[in-house]
C-alpha atoms as a PDB file:
ATOM      1  CA  MET A   1     -18.619  -3.528  -7.207  1.00  0.00           C
ATOM      2  CA  TYR A   2     -17.402  -1.527  -9.515  1.00  0.00           C
ATOM      3  CA  GLY A   3     -20.071  -0.001 -10.320  1.00  0.00           C
ATOM      4  CA  TRP A   4     -20.036   1.134  -7.273  1.00  0.00           C
ATOM      5  CA  ILE A   5     -16.700   2.915  -7.044  1.00  0.00           C
ATOM      6  CA  TRP A   6     -17.922   4.403 -10.854  1.00  0.00           C
ATOM      7  CA  ARG A   7     -21.280   6.110  -9.406  1.00  0.00           C
ATOM      8  CA  ARG A   8     -18.982   7.453  -5.174  1.00  0.00           C
ATOM      9  CA  LEU A   9     -16.267   8.816  -8.045  1.00  0.00           C
ATOM     10  CA  PRO A  10     -17.026  13.021  -8.738  1.00  0.00           C
ATOM     11  CA  GLY A  11     -16.835  14.552 -12.308  1.00  0.00           C
ATOM     12  CA  GLY A  12     -17.603  13.243 -15.822  1.00  0.00           C
ATOM     13  CA  VAL A  13     -16.715  10.480 -17.881  1.00  0.00           C
ATOM     14  CA  GLY A  14     -12.722  11.431 -18.027  1.00  0.00           C
ATOM     15  CA  ALA A  15     -12.390  12.187 -14.508  1.00  0.00           C
ATOM     16  CA  LYS A  16     -13.927   9.104 -13.717  1.00  0.00           C
ATOM     17  CA  ILE A  17     -11.444   7.423 -15.846  1.00  0.00           C
ATOM     18  CA  GLY A  18      -8.610   9.263 -13.637  1.00  0.00           C
ATOM     19  CA  GLY A  19      -9.673   8.645 -10.277  1.00  0.00           C
ATOM     20  CA  CYS A  20     -10.211   5.305 -11.067  1.00  0.00           C
ATOM     21  CA  ALA A  21      -6.801   4.703 -12.806  1.00  0.00           C
ATOM     22  CA  ALA A  22      -5.363   6.440  -8.982  1.00  0.00           C
ATOM     23  CA  LEU A  23      -6.997   4.273  -7.344  1.00  0.00           C
ATOM     24  CA  LEU A  24      -5.253   1.920  -9.563  1.00  0.00           C
ATOM     25  CA  VAL A  25      -2.328   3.174  -8.725  1.00  0.00           C
ATOM     26  CA  GLY A  26      -3.080   3.304  -5.010  1.00  0.00           C
ATOM     27  CA  VAL A  27      -3.860  -0.443  -4.478  1.00  0.00           C
ATOM     28  CA  LEU A  28      -0.815  -1.236  -5.994  1.00  0.00           C
ATOM     29  CA  ALA A  29       1.508   0.600  -4.710  1.00  0.00           C
ATOM     30  CA  LEU A  30      -0.275  -0.397  -1.384  1.00  0.00           C
ATOM     31  CA  LEU A  31       0.558  -4.236  -1.861  1.00  0.00           C
ATOM     32  CA  LEU A  32       4.228  -3.744  -3.218  1.00  0.00           C
ATOM     33  CA  PHE A  33       5.178  -1.776  -0.522  1.00  0.00           C
ATOM     34  CA  VAL A  34       3.191  -2.599   2.452  1.00  0.00           C
ATOM     35  CA  ILE A  35       1.000  -5.374   2.223  1.00  0.00           C
ATOM     36  CA  PHE A  36       4.166  -7.961   0.348  1.00  0.00           C
ATOM     37  CA  PRO A  37       7.132  -6.868   2.239  1.00  0.00           C
ATOM     38  CA  TRP A  38       4.841  -7.857   5.152  1.00  0.00           C
ATOM     39  CA  ALA A  39       3.774 -11.319   4.230  1.00  0.00           C
ATOM     40  CA  GLU A  40       6.657 -12.499   2.588  1.00  0.00           C
ATOM     41  CA  PRO A  41       8.717 -13.355   5.823  1.00  0.00           C
ATOM     42  CA  ARG A  42       5.737 -15.570   6.744  1.00  0.00           C
ATOM     43  CA  LEU A  43       5.323 -17.441   3.835  1.00  0.00           C
ATOM     44  CA  PRO A  44       6.317 -20.986   4.290  1.00  0.00           C
ATOM     45  CA  TRP A  45       8.549 -21.222   0.803  1.00  0.00           C
ATOM     46  CA  ASN A  46      11.033 -19.523   2.905  1.00  0.00           C
ATOM     47  CA  ALA A  47      12.769 -22.364   4.128  1.00  0.00           C
ATOM     48  CA  VAL A  48      14.833 -23.784   0.952  1.00  0.00           C
ATOM     49  CA  THR A  49      17.479 -26.418   2.072  1.00  0.00           C
ATOM     50  CA  VAL A  50      18.765 -27.081  -1.749  1.00  0.00           C
ATOM     51  CA  ASN A  51      22.741 -26.933  -0.268  1.00  0.00           C
ATOM     52  CA  SER A  52      22.291 -29.398   2.600  1.00  0.00           C
ATOM     53  CA  PRO A  53      26.033 -31.821   3.073  1.00  0.00           C
ATOM     54  CA  ALA A  54      23.664 -34.909   1.846  1.00  0.00           C
ATOM     55  CA  VAL A  55      23.012 -33.512  -1.819  1.00  0.00           C
ATOM     56  CA  GLU A  56      26.017 -32.547  -1.801  1.00  0.00           C
ATOM     57  CA  LEU A  57      27.975 -35.772  -1.417  1.00  0.00           C
ATOM     58  CA  THR A  58      25.754 -38.220  -3.579  1.00  0.00           C
ATOM     59  CA  VAL A  59      25.578 -35.582  -6.387  1.00  0.00           C
ATOM     60  CA  PRO A  60      28.539 -35.536  -9.211  1.00  0.00           C
ATOM     61  CA  SER A  61      29.836 -33.337 -10.199  1.00  0.00           C
ATOM     62  CA  ALA A  62      29.851 -32.729 -14.207  1.00  0.00           C
ATOM     63  CA  PRO A  63      33.328 -32.425 -15.778  1.00  0.00           C
ATOM     64  CA  ALA A  64      34.683 -29.034 -16.672  1.00  0.00           C
ATOM     65  CA  SER A  65      35.904 -29.866 -20.190  1.00  0.00           C
ATOM     66  CA  SER A  66      34.721 -28.739 -23.422  1.00  0.00           C
ATOM     67  CA  PRO A  67      32.651 -30.371 -25.774  1.00  0.00           C
ATOM     68  CA  PRO A  68      34.658 -32.554 -28.586  1.00  0.00           C
ATOM     69  CA  ALA A  69      35.050 -30.386 -31.750  1.00  0.00           C
ATOM     70  CA  LEU A  70      33.998 -31.263 -34.668  1.00  0.00           C
ATOM     71  CA  PRO A  71      35.590 -32.258 -37.713  1.00  0.00           C
ATOM     72  CA  PRO A  72      36.299 -30.112 -40.599  1.00  0.00           C
ATOM     73  CA  SER A  73      34.150 -29.789 -43.655  1.00  0.00           C
ATOM     74  CA  SER A  74      36.583 -31.967 -45.819  1.00  0.00           C
ATOM     75  CA  ALA A  75      36.191 -34.452 -43.865  1.00  0.00           C
ATOM     76  CA  LEU A  76      32.720 -35.184 -43.676  1.00  0.00           C
ATOM     77  CA  PRO A  77      31.056 -37.626 -46.391  1.00  0.00           C
ATOM     78  CA  GLY A  78      30.276 -35.844 -49.873  1.00  0.00           C
ATOM     79  CA  GLY A  79      33.059 -33.213 -48.922  1.00  0.00           C
ATOM     80  CA  PRO A  80      33.446 -29.975 -48.127  1.00  0.00           C
ATOM     81  CA  SER A  81      30.321 -28.629 -50.206  1.00  0.00           C
ATOM     82  CA  VAL A  82      27.195 -31.088 -49.634  1.00  0.00           C
ATOM     83  CA  LEU A  83      24.807 -29.333 -51.777  1.00  0.00           C
ATOM     84  CA  PRO A  84      24.622 -29.584 -55.495  1.00  0.00           C
ATOM     85  CA  ALA A  85      25.042 -26.268 -57.631  1.00  0.00           C
ATOM     86  CA  GLY A  86      22.744 -24.730 -59.096  1.00  0.00           C
END
């Protein structure tokens, strides 16, 4: 298929590379702006029911508290500096 496209494009190697790039950009634009928006509502995973009442009633919410504070370095075993000097 790519050989057929390459043979059909006019011009030399530079013009053919530019023509291939233009074709690629055109196909990507067609997919992004026409095909994907048309197909998106027809896909099966659009009907997501994450916030159903049964799930909200059975899953307890996490407490909104902060983690406990770390003790000061002097309270740790070995004192304020645990690395040997040197």
